[in-house]
Amino acid sequence: MQAEEIGFLDLFNGKVQYSIPKWQRRYSWDEADVTRLIEDLVSISHAANQDRVHYGGSLITFSPPGQPSGVVGTERVVDGQQRLTTVSLLLSCIAGSMSDGDQSGEWTRQDILDLLRNRGEESSGKQRKLRLQDGDEEEYVGILNGKPTGDGAVTDAWRVVRQLVDRYGSERLMAGLERFRVVSLGVEKLDDPQQIFESLNATGRPLEVSEKIKNWLLMGHPDHVQQELYERYWLNIENALAAKQSTLPIDLFLRDFMRWRTGKVCAIQQTYEEFRRWVTREGWEAPARRKQLFADLAHLAGLFGKLTRSNGSHPEAAIESSLQHLRAMDIDTHRPFTLRLLHELSPSSGEAISTLEETAKVFRAVSIWITRLWLVDKIRGLNVTFARMAASDPVNPQAYADDWINRIRALHRQDVGVPNDASVAHGIRSRRSVYFGKKQRLAVFCALMEADEGNDAPSRKDLWTERVMPMTLTDAWRETLGPEAEEVHVAWRYRLANLALVGGANGAPGKYQSFDKKKEWYRRSPIGLTKRLGEQTCWNESVLVRISDDLAERAIAVWPWEHGPMEPKG
């Protein structure tokens, strides 16, 4: 690399366009980052030594080979996108705050606009001296044209910059920019831009997993191929995972994809390294194969979006029914395995090895398995189990569901094996930590309600669970519970039997009301589970035991297993 110390504003002199490659991350600075840079400029504009300069890090670019002389040169930005974009927004806001006759120090409005545009290039695509990625580019162009209508990070940064220009004034900020310098480094032909990019970002704001993998998939292809791959596959991944403004949904998808492919429970932070090792082992590194991998990932992201519902519901009602319950339970450790199930039902190429009916049966088994484990408080360790199952040997397509269910059944001697009926009944009666699983307990009670009420069940939307016996005993509750009030309260306040499903049009009785007042409200509830609580003449340990037994019987009927996943009773 060739290094040169240069003033930041000098980067915009001459005919040049800085272009953000498709393999780069999107603009990601937030208000704190933008404010920090501009306050640095204000500080150096106030420096007692007016000859003092301020170094703002490095700018690393590389020039595509074969550029003709005498035209606007293109510089691909390896490092420095955030500062280039933020300073460009600052210059735009300063110019926007000035009239044609105004000056900021020695700078006229036209001088500042010339830093942002290449004159005479209105029809060449090289008019702007900074060209961002597609979504960011649309926002940036809108800002330069006086129509900042975007809702992404670039427009958010522009709003912050505009307020800071109003606060500090354009003359002071231009004075700071005049003393703002960088070390500009040009990447030579034999340098590896990806390696340089990753090394630099290891010490700055870390790249997210999806950004690194996108970079790896795109880098090394010609520009027109990068554009095609980006539009054909990467945008589809973003759309399927609802990841326009956050990389987290894609990071989670890639983490679970690698858990499936490796059988190892890698954390998000480890996913990229696992990915690079995996592509090396599997021979995906050649550019031609990388295109196919990109296509496969885009297809799988669409399936993953069915698991999370970011890509809509699954079209098969039986599969979607199990997914609705799993989403409501807010337990996602199954996704490496269920992603494989959806892939085997709907591969990107070739024939499916399962049918809708067979796949739905396995999804039903997973739903039963996870729910029963939660009821007995044995969810820990499922991430390892599902990763190993996802990466296990091919399944028998002639007995698809039976093969998978037999593999699940074979876990019965392990803690993560499907609990039998007796264990479920014991868990419902004795588990004390259940109250802290807010989403899980609501999902369980709503499923029991819907099994009980059928199509007449109220909507889940406005329901929640509330303690019958409150967290803290009142005098009225001590009287209700009798001489052993403290012991009964401590033993039962966090168990399923002490919960009521409330909300909706009927509201809730209030958590500290006496039992006599609560039971009158329970009697008026449209929810059968809750209405039955109002039929109790008292509230004590024997009642709680009886309610536990009733809940256990209902749960076993709704999530039957014993010798395999059976259809609900009744």
Foldseek 3Di string as FASTA:
>chain_A
DDKDKDQPLVVLPDQAAEEEALLADAQDDALVVLVVVQVLLLVLLPDPPLLAFAEDEEWEWEFDPDDDPPHRGYTYTLDDVNVVLSVLLLLLLQLVVDDQPDAQVPHGSVNSVSSQADPPCPPPVRGGNYAYDDLLRVQSVCSSVVRRDDDARSSNSSVSSNVVCVVRPDNSSVSSSRRYMYIYHYDDPPDDSLVVSQVVLVPPPHDFLVSNLSSLLQPPDPRVVSVVLCVVFVVLLCQLQVDPHHCVSVLVLLQLQLLLAPLDNDDSVCSNVSVVVVCVVVVCNPNVSSSVVSVQSSVLSNVLSCLQCSNHHDPDVLLSVLSVLVVLLVDCLLSSQLSLLVCLDPPPDDHRLEHPVLSSQQSLQVSLLCLLLVLLVLNPPSNSVNSNVSNDDDFHSVNRNVRVQVVLCVCCVPSSRRDALVSSLCSLQQPQQQQVSFSNLLSLVLLLQCVVQPPNRDDSPFKGKAFLQAPDHDPLQCVQADPCSVVFCVRPRRHSLRIAIDTDPLHAQDRHDHNVSRLVSQCPDPGPLSNVSSVDPGDYDVSSSVSSNVSSVSSCQPSPANPHTDHRDD
